[in-house]
């Protein structure tokens, strides 16, 4: 009896891994398209030396690139999997802080979110879940969200807001947030106590 259960667990683990690999391919295709559309810079031109000799505004927008994973450090990308729209298919959320190709630390609080979700038997990838997709916390339109993970009909995240006098590193308001995916509204908010 144990061997059957172990065999089924191994089979489920293999199927789960295959689903995740398929979803990761959608993310890779999204990256290729973003570079082709000049919304992100390719690795060979995402460094200060290149930006010092080119006029990037004329050649394609903001100086954002993808995090360098050449040393197999994929920890700069956060992958989360769940059936967010409850249709029986696994969906994927990928978040990352973009590389700032021209140097500096302006990307410190920047987060890119890429959601791949099944719709009508096909998968759709979008990066439009940033600010404006969900309601603001209270009336604080100066605050912003970072999304952490997904669950069934839920997106988990953190709300940040800087008060006057806060340093660039340290927002005064930090709250754990849970959104209802269908209604796009906050269903839970908890203050995070800083130590």
N, C-alpha and C. Protein backbone atom coordinates (compact mmCIF):
# COMPACT_ATOMS: atom_id res chain seq x y z
N UNK A 1 0.82 -1.19 0.00
CA UNK A 1 0.00 0.00 0.00
C UNK A 1 0.86 1.26 0.00
N UNK A 2 1.96 1.25 0.74
CA UNK A 2 2.83 2.42 0.78
C UNK A 2 3.46 2.70 -0.57
N UNK A 3 3.83 1.63 -1.32
CA UNK A 3 4.47 1.84 -2.61
C UNK A 3 3.52 2.48 -3.61
N UNK A 4 2.22 2.14 -3.55
CA UNK A 4 1.25 2.78 -4.45
C UNK A 4 1.13 4.26 -4.12
N UNK A 5 1.04 4.58 -2.83
CA UNK A 5 0.94 5.99 -2.43
C UNK A 5 2.19 6.76 -2.84
N UNK A 6 3.36 6.15 -2.61
CA UNK A 6 4.61 6.81 -3.00
C UNK A 6 4.68 6.97 -4.51
N UNK A 7 4.23 5.95 -5.24
CA UNK A 7 4.23 6.02 -6.70
C UNK A 7 3.32 7.13 -7.19
N UNK A 8 2.15 7.29 -6.59
CA UNK A 8 1.22 8.35 -6.98
C UNK A 8 1.80 9.72 -6.63
N UNK A 9 2.44 9.83 -5.48
CA UNK A 9 3.05 11.10 -5.08
C UNK A 9 4.14 11.50 -6.06
N UNK A 10 4.95 10.53 -6.50
CA UNK A 10 6.01 10.83 -7.48
C UNK A 10 5.41 11.26 -8.81
N UNK A 11 4.34 10.57 -9.22
CA UNK A 11 3.66 10.92 -10.47
C UNK A 11 3.08 12.33 -10.40
N UNK A 12 2.44 12.66 -9.27
CA UNK A 12 1.87 13.99 -9.07
C UNK A 12 2.97 15.06 -9.07
N UNK A 13 4.11 14.74 -8.44
CA UNK A 13 5.23 15.69 -8.39
C UNK A 13 5.79 15.95 -9.79
N UNK A 14 5.87 14.91 -10.61
CA UNK A 14 6.36 15.06 -11.99
C UNK A 14 5.39 15.91 -12.80
N UNK A 15 4.08 15.64 -12.68
CA UNK A 15 3.07 16.42 -13.40
C UNK A 15 3.10 17.88 -12.95
N UNK A 16 3.26 18.10 -11.64
CA UNK A 16 3.33 19.45 -11.11
C UNK A 16 4.55 20.19 -11.67
N UNK A 17 5.67 19.50 -11.74
CA UNK A 17 6.90 20.10 -12.27
C UNK A 17 6.72 20.45 -13.75
N UNK A 18 6.08 19.57 -14.52
CA UNK A 18 5.84 19.84 -15.94
C UNK A 18 4.93 21.05 -16.14
N UNK A 19 3.89 21.18 -15.30
CA UNK A 19 2.99 22.34 -15.38
C UNK A 19 3.77 23.62 -15.13
N UNK A 20 4.62 23.61 -14.11
CA UNK A 20 5.39 24.80 -13.76
C UNK A 20 6.39 25.15 -14.85
N UNK A 21 7.02 24.14 -15.46
CA UNK A 21 7.96 24.41 -16.55
C UNK A 21 7.24 25.02 -17.75
N UNK A 22 6.03 24.55 -18.04
CA UNK A 22 5.24 25.11 -19.14
C UNK A 22 4.89 26.57 -18.85
N UNK A 23 4.51 26.85 -17.61
CA UNK A 23 4.18 28.22 -17.23
C UNK A 23 5.41 29.12 -17.27
N UNK A 24 6.56 28.61 -16.87
CA UNK A 24 7.80 29.40 -16.93
C UNK A 24 8.12 29.78 -18.37
N UNK A 25 7.78 28.92 -19.31
CA UNK A 25 8.01 29.22 -20.73
C UNK A 25 7.20 30.45 -21.16
N UNK A 26 5.98 30.59 -20.64
CA UNK A 26 5.17 31.78 -20.95
C UNK A 26 5.89 33.04 -20.45
N UNK A 27 6.51 32.94 -19.27
CA UNK A 27 7.24 34.08 -18.72
C UNK A 27 8.46 34.41 -19.58
N UNK A 28 9.18 33.39 -20.03
CA UNK A 28 10.34 33.62 -20.90
C UNK A 28 9.93 34.27 -22.22
N UNK A 29 8.80 33.81 -22.77
CA UNK A 29 8.29 34.42 -24.01
C UNK A 29 7.91 35.88 -23.78
N UNK A 30 7.33 36.17 -22.61
CA UNK A 30 6.98 37.55 -22.26
C UNK A 30 8.25 38.41 -22.21
N UNK A 31 9.33 37.90 -21.60
CA UNK A 31 10.59 38.65 -21.52
C UNK A 31 11.12 38.97 -22.92
N UNK A 32 11.12 37.97 -23.80
CA UNK A 32 11.61 38.17 -25.17
C UNK A 32 10.80 39.26 -25.87
N UNK A 33 9.48 39.23 -25.70
CA UNK A 33 8.61 40.24 -26.31
C UNK A 33 8.88 41.63 -25.73
N UNK A 34 9.10 41.72 -24.42
CA UNK A 34 9.37 43.02 -23.79
C UNK A 34 10.66 43.63 -24.34
N UNK A 35 11.67 42.81 -24.56
CA UNK A 35 12.93 43.30 -25.14
C UNK A 35 12.69 43.75 -26.58
N UNK A 36 11.95 42.95 -27.35
CA UNK A 36 11.67 43.29 -28.75
C UNK A 36 10.87 44.59 -28.87
N UNK A 37 10.00 44.86 -27.88
CA UNK A 37 9.19 46.09 -27.89
C UNK A 37 9.90 47.28 -27.24
N UNK A 38 11.15 47.08 -26.82
CA UNK A 38 11.97 48.12 -26.19
C UNK A 38 11.40 48.62 -24.87
N UNK A 39 10.70 47.74 -24.16
CA UNK A 39 10.22 48.11 -22.83
C UNK A 39 11.22 47.68 -21.75
N UNK A 40 12.08 46.72 -22.10
CA UNK A 40 13.19 46.28 -21.25
C UNK A 40 14.42 46.16 -22.14
N UNK A 41 15.58 46.31 -21.52
CA UNK A 41 16.83 46.20 -22.26
C UNK A 41 17.40 44.80 -22.15
N UNK A 42 17.99 44.33 -23.22
CA UNK A 42 18.64 43.01 -23.24
C UNK A 42 19.91 43.06 -22.40
N UNK A 43 20.35 41.92 -21.96
CA UNK A 43 21.51 41.83 -21.07
C UNK A 43 22.76 42.49 -21.65
N UNK A 44 22.95 42.38 -22.97
CA UNK A 44 24.17 42.94 -23.58
C UNK A 44 24.19 44.46 -23.62
N UNK A 45 23.06 45.12 -23.33
CA UNK A 45 23.05 46.58 -23.30
C UNK A 45 22.55 47.13 -21.96
N UNK A 46 22.47 46.30 -20.96
CA UNK A 46 21.99 46.74 -19.65
C UNK A 46 23.17 46.92 -18.70
N UNK A 47 23.96 47.95 -18.96
CA UNK A 47 25.07 48.30 -18.06
C UNK A 47 25.43 49.76 -18.29
N UNK A 48 26.06 50.37 -17.29
CA UNK A 48 26.31 51.81 -17.33
C UNK A 48 27.13 52.25 -18.53
N UNK A 49 28.12 51.46 -18.93
CA UNK A 49 28.97 51.83 -20.07
C UNK A 49 28.18 52.02 -21.35
N UNK A 50 27.22 51.14 -21.61
CA UNK A 50 26.39 51.25 -22.81
C UNK A 50 25.55 52.51 -22.75
N UNK A 51 24.95 52.77 -21.58
CA UNK A 51 24.08 53.94 -21.45
C UNK A 51 24.86 55.24 -21.48
N UNK A 52 26.16 55.18 -21.16
CA UNK A 52 26.98 56.38 -21.24
C UNK A 52 27.27 56.81 -22.67
N UNK A 53 27.14 55.90 -23.63
CA UNK A 53 27.45 56.21 -25.03
C UNK A 53 26.24 56.20 -25.95
N UNK A 54 25.03 55.97 -25.40
CA UNK A 54 23.81 55.93 -26.20
C UNK A 54 22.77 56.87 -25.60
N UNK A 55 21.86 57.29 -26.40
CA UNK A 55 20.76 58.14 -25.95
C UNK A 55 19.54 57.24 -25.79
N UNK A 56 19.39 56.68 -24.56
CA UNK A 56 18.37 55.65 -24.38
C UNK A 56 16.95 56.15 -24.58
N UNK A 57 16.67 57.43 -24.31
CA UNK A 57 15.31 57.93 -24.53
C UNK A 57 14.95 57.87 -26.00
N UNK A 58 15.93 58.10 -26.86
CA UNK A 58 15.69 58.03 -28.31
C UNK A 58 15.63 56.58 -28.77
N UNK A 59 16.30 55.69 -28.04
CA UNK A 59 16.41 54.30 -28.49
C UNK A 59 15.44 53.35 -27.80
N UNK A 60 14.63 53.85 -26.86
CA UNK A 60 13.65 52.94 -26.32
C UNK A 60 13.27 53.05 -24.87
N UNK A 61 13.05 54.19 -24.31
CA UNK A 61 12.40 54.29 -23.01
C UNK A 61 13.27 54.14 -21.79
N UNK A 62 12.65 53.68 -20.71
CA UNK A 62 13.31 53.58 -19.41
C UNK A 62 14.50 52.62 -19.42
N UNK A 63 15.47 52.89 -18.57
CA UNK A 63 16.65 52.02 -18.53
C UNK A 63 16.47 50.79 -17.64
N UNK A 64 15.38 50.04 -17.80
CA UNK A 64 15.16 48.83 -17.01
C UNK A 64 15.63 47.60 -17.79
N UNK A 65 16.21 46.68 -17.04
CA UNK A 65 16.61 45.40 -17.61
C UNK A 65 16.13 44.29 -16.69
N UNK A 66 16.39 43.06 -17.09
CA UNK A 66 16.02 41.93 -16.26
C UNK A 66 17.17 41.59 -15.31
N UNK A 67 16.85 41.10 -14.11
CA UNK A 67 17.92 40.73 -13.18
C UNK A 67 18.87 39.72 -13.81
N UNK A 68 20.14 39.85 -13.48
CA UNK A 68 21.17 38.97 -14.03
C UNK A 68 21.11 37.60 -13.34
N UNK A 69 20.84 36.57 -14.11
CA UNK A 69 20.80 35.21 -13.56
C UNK A 69 21.88 34.35 -14.20
N UNK A 70 22.93 34.99 -14.69
CA UNK A 70 23.99 34.25 -15.39
C UNK A 70 24.73 33.28 -14.47
N UNK A 71 24.66 33.54 -13.18
CA UNK A 71 25.32 32.64 -12.23
C UNK A 71 24.31 31.68 -11.60
N UNK A 72 23.22 31.45 -12.32
CA UNK A 72 22.15 30.55 -11.89
C UNK A 72 21.45 31.02 -10.62
N UNK A 73 21.59 32.30 -10.31
CA UNK A 73 20.90 32.86 -9.15
C UNK A 73 19.53 33.33 -9.60
N UNK A 74 18.55 32.45 -9.48
CA UNK A 74 17.19 32.80 -9.90
C UNK A 74 16.38 33.34 -8.72
N UNK A 75 17.01 33.56 -7.56
CA UNK A 75 16.28 34.04 -6.40
C UNK A 75 15.77 35.47 -6.59
N UNK A 76 16.25 36.16 -7.61
CA UNK A 76 15.78 37.51 -7.88
C UNK A 76 14.39 37.51 -8.52
N UNK A 77 13.94 36.34 -8.94
CA UNK A 77 12.59 36.16 -9.44
C UNK A 77 11.81 35.35 -8.42
N UNK A 78 10.59 35.81 -8.10
CA UNK A 78 9.73 35.05 -7.19
C UNK A 78 8.59 34.44 -8.00
N UNK A 79 8.48 33.13 -7.95
CA UNK A 79 7.43 32.40 -8.66
C UNK A 79 6.41 31.90 -7.65
N UNK A 80 5.14 32.08 -7.97
CA UNK A 80 4.06 31.57 -7.13
C UNK A 80 3.04 30.89 -8.04
N UNK A 81 2.51 29.76 -7.58
CA UNK A 81 1.57 28.97 -8.38
C UNK A 81 0.31 28.66 -7.59
N UNK A 82 -0.84 28.81 -8.23
CA UNK A 82 -2.13 28.44 -7.65
C UNK A 82 -3.19 28.55 -8.75
N UNK A 83 -4.34 28.00 -8.50
CA UNK A 83 -5.47 28.12 -9.43
C UNK A 83 -6.26 29.37 -9.03
N UNK A 84 -5.77 30.53 -9.43
CA UNK A 84 -6.32 31.80 -8.94
C UNK A 84 -7.76 32.04 -9.37
N UNK A 85 -8.14 31.59 -10.57
CA UNK A 85 -9.50 31.83 -11.06
C UNK A 85 -10.39 30.59 -10.91
N UNK A 86 -9.92 29.60 -10.19
CA UNK A 86 -10.71 28.43 -9.80
C UNK A 86 -11.32 27.70 -11.00
N UNK A 87 -10.49 27.50 -12.06
CA UNK A 87 -10.98 26.79 -13.25
C UNK A 87 -10.33 25.41 -13.39
N UNK A 88 -9.60 24.98 -12.37
CA UNK A 88 -8.97 23.66 -12.41
C UNK A 88 -7.58 23.66 -13.04
N UNK A 89 -7.05 24.84 -13.43
CA UNK A 89 -5.72 24.91 -14.05
C UNK A 89 -4.81 25.79 -13.21
N UNK A 90 -3.56 25.38 -13.11
CA UNK A 90 -2.59 26.12 -12.33
C UNK A 90 -2.19 27.40 -13.06
N UNK A 91 -2.15 28.51 -12.33
CA UNK A 91 -1.74 29.80 -12.86
C UNK A 91 -0.42 30.21 -12.19
N UNK A 92 0.22 31.26 -12.72
CA UNK A 92 1.55 31.64 -12.25
C UNK A 92 1.66 33.16 -12.07
N UNK A 93 2.27 33.56 -10.95
CA UNK A 93 2.65 34.95 -10.73
C UNK A 93 4.16 35.00 -10.59
N UNK A 94 4.81 35.88 -11.36
CA UNK A 94 6.25 36.09 -11.26
C UNK A 94 6.46 37.56 -10.90
N UNK A 95 7.26 37.82 -9.87
CA UNK A 95 7.58 39.19 -9.50
C UNK A 95 9.10 39.36 -9.44
N UNK A 96 9.56 40.57 -9.75
CA UNK A 96 10.99 40.86 -9.66
C UNK A 96 11.21 42.36 -9.63
N UNK A 97 12.36 42.75 -9.11
CA UNK A 97 12.81 44.14 -9.16
C UNK A 97 13.67 44.27 -10.40
N UNK A 98 13.35 45.20 -11.30
CA UNK A 98 14.14 45.31 -12.53
C UNK A 98 15.54 45.83 -12.24
N UNK A 99 16.47 45.46 -13.10
CA UNK A 99 17.83 45.99 -13.02
C UNK A 99 17.79 47.41 -13.57
N UNK A 100 18.51 48.32 -12.94
CA UNK A 100 18.59 49.69 -13.44
C UNK A 100 19.86 49.80 -14.26
N UNK A 101 19.71 49.77 -15.56
CA UNK A 101 20.85 49.66 -16.48
C UNK A 101 21.79 50.86 -16.44
N UNK A 102 21.29 52.04 -16.10
CA UNK A 102 22.14 53.22 -16.09
C UNK A 102 22.73 53.52 -14.71
N UNK A 103 22.64 52.55 -13.79
CA UNK A 103 23.20 52.72 -12.45
C UNK A 103 22.20 53.39 -11.51
N UNK A 104 22.59 53.58 -10.27
CA UNK A 104 21.71 54.22 -9.30
C UNK A 104 20.81 53.24 -8.58
N UNK A 105 19.91 53.78 -7.75
CA UNK A 105 19.02 52.91 -6.98
C UNK A 105 17.55 53.29 -7.14
N UNK A 106 17.19 53.88 -8.26
CA UNK A 106 15.80 54.27 -8.49
C UNK A 106 14.86 53.07 -8.57
N UNK A 107 15.38 51.89 -8.86
CA UNK A 107 14.52 50.71 -8.96
C UNK A 107 14.30 50.02 -7.62
N UNK A 108 14.83 50.61 -6.55
CA UNK A 108 14.76 49.97 -5.22
C UNK A 108 13.35 49.55 -4.82
N UNK A 109 12.36 50.39 -5.07
CA UNK A 109 10.99 50.08 -4.68
C UNK A 109 10.13 49.68 -5.89
N UNK A 110 10.76 49.54 -7.04
CA UNK A 110 10.04 49.14 -8.25
C UNK A 110 9.80 47.63 -8.22
N UNK A 111 8.62 47.19 -8.62
CA UNK A 111 8.35 45.76 -8.74
C UNK A 111 7.59 45.53 -10.04
N UNK A 112 8.02 44.52 -10.79
CA UNK A 112 7.32 44.11 -12.00
C UNK A 112 6.58 42.82 -11.66
N UNK A 113 5.31 42.76 -12.02
CA UNK A 113 4.49 41.58 -11.77
C UNK A 113 4.01 41.03 -13.10
N UNK A 114 4.17 39.74 -13.30
CA UNK A 114 3.74 39.09 -14.54
C UNK A 114 2.85 37.91 -14.16
N UNK A 115 1.59 37.99 -14.57
CA UNK A 115 0.61 36.96 -14.23
C UNK A 115 0.26 36.16 -15.48
N UNK A 116 0.41 34.85 -15.41
CA UNK A 116 -0.02 33.96 -16.49
C UNK A 116 -1.22 33.18 -15.95
N UNK A 117 -2.36 33.37 -16.62
CA UNK A 117 -3.62 32.80 -16.12
C UNK A 117 -4.37 32.12 -17.26
N UNK A 118 -5.03 31.02 -16.94
CA UNK A 118 -5.81 30.31 -17.94
C UNK A 118 -7.16 31.02 -18.14
N UNK A 119 -7.51 31.20 -19.40
CA UNK A 119 -8.79 31.82 -19.74
C UNK A 119 -9.34 31.14 -20.99
N UNK A 120 -10.48 30.51 -20.85
CA UNK A 120 -11.12 29.86 -22.00
C UNK A 120 -10.27 28.80 -22.66
N UNK A 121 -9.53 28.03 -21.88
CA UNK A 121 -8.71 26.95 -22.43
C UNK A 121 -7.33 27.37 -22.90
N UNK A 122 -7.03 28.67 -22.87
CA UNK A 122 -5.71 29.16 -23.27
C UNK A 122 -5.10 29.95 -22.11
N UNK A 123 -3.79 30.11 -22.17
CA UNK A 123 -3.11 30.91 -21.15
C UNK A 123 -2.83 32.29 -21.68
N UNK A 124 -3.01 33.28 -20.82
CA UNK A 124 -2.78 34.68 -21.17
C UNK A 124 -1.78 35.23 -20.16
N UNK A 125 -0.78 35.96 -20.65
CA UNK A 125 0.22 36.57 -19.77
C UNK A 125 0.06 38.07 -19.81
N UNK A 126 -0.01 38.68 -18.63
CA UNK A 126 -0.18 40.12 -18.53
C UNK A 126 0.74 40.68 -17.44
N UNK A 127 1.17 41.91 -17.65
CA UNK A 127 1.95 42.59 -16.62
C UNK A 127 1.22 43.83 -16.16
N UNK A 128 -0.10 43.80 -16.23
CA UNK A 128 -0.88 44.98 -15.89
C UNK A 128 -1.59 44.86 -14.54
N UNK A 129 -1.00 44.11 -13.61
CA UNK A 129 -1.65 44.03 -12.30
C UNK A 129 -1.05 45.01 -11.31
N UNK A 130 -0.21 45.90 -11.78
CA UNK A 130 0.41 46.90 -10.91
C UNK A 130 -0.60 47.86 -10.32
N UNK A 131 -0.12 48.95 -9.76
CA UNK A 131 -1.00 49.93 -9.12
C UNK A 131 -2.11 50.35 -10.06
N UNK A 132 -3.30 50.45 -9.50
CA UNK A 132 -4.46 50.80 -10.30
C UNK A 132 -5.34 49.58 -10.58
N UNK A 133 -4.76 48.36 -10.55
CA UNK A 133 -5.55 47.15 -10.77
C UNK A 133 -6.42 46.87 -9.55
N UNK A 134 -5.87 47.10 -8.37
CA UNK A 134 -6.59 46.89 -7.12
C UNK A 134 -6.89 48.24 -6.48
N UNK A 135 -7.90 48.25 -5.62
CA UNK A 135 -8.24 49.48 -4.92
C UNK A 135 -7.11 49.90 -3.99
N UNK A 136 -7.00 51.20 -3.74
CA UNK A 136 -5.99 51.68 -2.81
C UNK A 136 -6.40 51.33 -1.39
N UNK A 137 -5.41 51.25 -0.53
CA UNK A 137 -5.69 50.99 0.87
C UNK A 137 -6.21 52.28 1.49
N UNK A 138 -7.44 52.26 1.95
CA UNK A 138 -8.03 53.47 2.52
C UNK A 138 -8.04 54.57 1.48
N UNK A 139 -7.59 55.75 1.86
CA UNK A 139 -7.51 56.87 0.92
C UNK A 139 -6.06 57.21 0.59
N UNK A 140 -5.15 56.31 0.89
CA UNK A 140 -3.73 56.58 0.73
C UNK A 140 -3.29 56.30 -0.71
N UNK A 141 -3.45 57.30 -1.58
CA UNK A 141 -3.07 57.13 -2.98
C UNK A 141 -1.57 57.33 -3.20
N UNK A 142 -0.84 57.68 -2.14
CA UNK A 142 0.62 57.79 -2.24
C UNK A 142 1.30 56.45 -2.00
N UNK A 143 0.57 55.51 -1.43
CA UNK A 143 1.14 54.20 -1.15
C UNK A 143 1.21 53.34 -2.40
N UNK A 144 1.85 52.19 -2.27
CA UNK A 144 1.98 51.26 -3.39
C UNK A 144 2.05 49.84 -2.86
N UNK A 145 1.80 48.89 -3.75
CA UNK A 145 1.78 47.48 -3.39
C UNK A 145 2.96 46.73 -3.99
N UNK A 146 3.40 45.73 -3.26
CA UNK A 146 4.25 44.68 -3.82
C UNK A 146 3.46 43.39 -3.65
N UNK A 147 3.37 42.62 -4.72
CA UNK A 147 2.60 41.39 -4.69
C UNK A 147 3.55 40.24 -4.37
N UNK A 148 3.11 39.34 -3.49
CA UNK A 148 3.98 38.28 -3.00
C UNK A 148 3.67 36.92 -3.61
N UNK A 149 2.37 36.57 -3.63
CA UNK A 149 1.99 35.23 -4.07
C UNK A 149 0.51 35.21 -4.41
N UNK A 150 0.08 34.07 -4.98
CA UNK A 150 -1.33 33.90 -5.34
C UNK A 150 -1.89 32.66 -4.66
N UNK A 151 -3.21 32.66 -4.50
CA UNK A 151 -3.96 31.52 -3.99
C UNK A 151 -5.26 31.46 -4.76
N UNK A 152 -6.16 30.56 -4.37
CA UNK A 152 -7.46 30.46 -5.05
C UNK A 152 -8.23 31.77 -4.80
N UNK A 153 -8.49 32.52 -5.87
CA UNK A 153 -9.19 33.80 -5.85
C UNK A 153 -8.53 34.85 -4.95
N UNK A 154 -7.23 34.71 -4.70
CA UNK A 154 -6.55 35.66 -3.83
C UNK A 154 -5.18 36.04 -4.38
N UNK A 155 -4.80 37.29 -4.11
CA UNK A 155 -3.43 37.73 -4.32
C UNK A 155 -2.96 38.32 -3.00
N UNK A 156 -1.81 37.85 -2.55
CA UNK A 156 -1.23 38.29 -1.29
C UNK A 156 -0.15 39.33 -1.59
N UNK A 157 -0.09 40.34 -0.76
CA UNK A 157 0.91 41.37 -0.99
C UNK A 157 1.21 42.19 0.24
N UNK A 158 1.96 43.26 0.00
CA UNK A 158 2.34 44.19 1.07
C UNK A 158 2.09 45.60 0.56
N UNK A 159 1.50 46.42 1.42
CA UNK A 159 1.25 47.83 1.11
C UNK A 159 2.31 48.66 1.82
N UNK A 160 2.92 49.60 1.09
CA UNK A 160 3.94 50.49 1.65
C UNK A 160 3.50 51.93 1.43
N UNK A 161 3.78 52.77 2.43
CA UNK A 161 3.52 54.20 2.27
C UNK A 161 4.56 54.98 3.08
N UNK A 162 5.11 56.02 2.45
CA UNK A 162 6.10 56.88 3.10
C UNK A 162 5.41 58.10 3.69
N UNK A 163 5.73 58.39 4.93
CA UNK A 163 5.27 59.63 5.56
C UNK A 163 6.34 60.69 5.37
N UNK A 164 5.96 61.94 5.53
CA UNK A 164 6.91 63.03 5.43
C UNK A 164 8.06 62.78 6.42
N UNK A 165 9.28 62.87 5.93
CA UNK A 165 10.45 62.66 6.77
C UNK A 165 11.02 61.25 6.72
N UNK A 166 10.29 60.30 6.13
CA UNK A 166 10.81 58.93 6.00
C UNK A 166 11.99 58.92 5.04
N UNK A 167 13.02 58.13 5.36
CA UNK A 167 14.12 57.93 4.43
C UNK A 167 13.69 57.05 3.27
N UNK A 168 14.44 57.10 2.18
CA UNK A 168 14.14 56.31 0.98
C UNK A 168 14.10 54.81 1.28
N UNK A 169 14.81 54.41 2.31
CA UNK A 169 14.89 52.99 2.67
C UNK A 169 13.71 52.50 3.47
N UNK A 170 13.02 53.43 4.16
CA UNK A 170 12.18 52.98 5.27
C UNK A 170 10.80 53.62 5.32
N UNK A 171 9.81 53.04 4.64
CA UNK A 171 8.47 53.59 4.74
C UNK A 171 7.89 53.37 6.14
N UNK A 172 7.15 54.34 6.65
CA UNK A 172 6.55 54.23 7.98
C UNK A 172 5.40 53.23 8.04
N UNK A 173 4.66 53.14 6.94
CA UNK A 173 3.48 52.27 6.93
C UNK A 173 3.76 51.04 6.09
N UNK A 174 3.65 49.88 6.72
CA UNK A 174 3.84 48.60 6.03
C UNK A 174 2.70 47.68 6.49
N UNK A 175 1.87 47.25 5.56
CA UNK A 175 0.74 46.39 5.90
C UNK A 175 0.70 45.16 5.01
N UNK A 176 0.40 44.03 5.62
CA UNK A 176 0.16 42.80 4.88
C UNK A 176 -1.26 42.88 4.33
N UNK A 177 -1.42 42.58 3.04
CA UNK A 177 -2.71 42.76 2.36
C UNK A 177 -3.12 41.46 1.65
N UNK A 178 -4.41 41.18 1.68
CA UNK A 178 -4.97 40.09 0.86
C UNK A 178 -6.06 40.69 -0.01
N UNK A 179 -5.97 40.46 -1.33
CA UNK A 179 -6.96 40.94 -2.28
C UNK A 179 -7.85 39.80 -2.73
N UNK A 180 -9.11 40.10 -2.95
CA UNK A 180 -10.02 39.19 -3.64
C UNK A 180 -9.77 39.40 -5.14
N UNK A 181 -9.37 38.36 -5.85
CA UNK A 181 -9.00 38.51 -7.26
C UNK A 181 -10.19 38.94 -8.12
N UNK A 182 -11.38 38.40 -7.85
CA UNK A 182 -12.54 38.71 -8.69
C UNK A 182 -13.02 40.14 -8.50
N UNK A 183 -13.15 40.59 -7.26
CA UNK A 183 -13.69 41.93 -7.01
C UNK A 183 -12.61 43.01 -7.05
N UNK A 184 -11.33 42.61 -7.02
CA UNK A 184 -10.19 43.54 -7.02
C UNK A 184 -10.17 44.41 -5.77
N UNK A 185 -10.72 43.91 -4.68
CA UNK A 185 -10.78 44.68 -3.44
C UNK A 185 -10.00 43.99 -2.32
N UNK A 186 -9.58 44.80 -1.37
CA UNK A 186 -8.86 44.28 -0.20
C UNK A 186 -9.85 43.55 0.70
N UNK A 187 -9.51 42.32 1.10
CA UNK A 187 -10.38 41.60 2.03
C UNK A 187 -9.73 41.48 3.42
N UNK A 188 -8.43 41.79 3.50
CA UNK A 188 -7.77 41.77 4.80
C UNK A 188 -6.52 42.64 4.75
N UNK A 189 -6.30 43.40 5.83
CA UNK A 189 -5.10 44.24 5.96
C UNK A 189 -4.62 44.16 7.40
N UNK A 190 -3.35 43.90 7.57
CA UNK A 190 -2.76 43.80 8.91
C UNK A 190 -1.48 44.61 8.97
N UNK A 191 -1.37 45.44 9.98
CA UNK A 191 -0.16 46.24 10.18
C UNK A 191 1.00 45.31 10.49
N UNK A 192 2.11 45.54 9.84
CA UNK A 192 3.33 44.77 10.13
C UNK A 192 4.17 45.60 11.10
N UNK A 193 4.44 45.04 12.25
CA UNK A 193 5.22 45.74 13.27
C UNK A 193 6.69 45.58 12.95
N UNK A 194 7.39 46.70 12.85
CA UNK A 194 8.84 46.66 12.57
C UNK A 194 9.59 46.52 13.87
N UNK A 195 10.67 45.74 13.83
CA UNK A 195 11.49 45.57 15.03
C UNK A 195 12.72 46.44 14.96
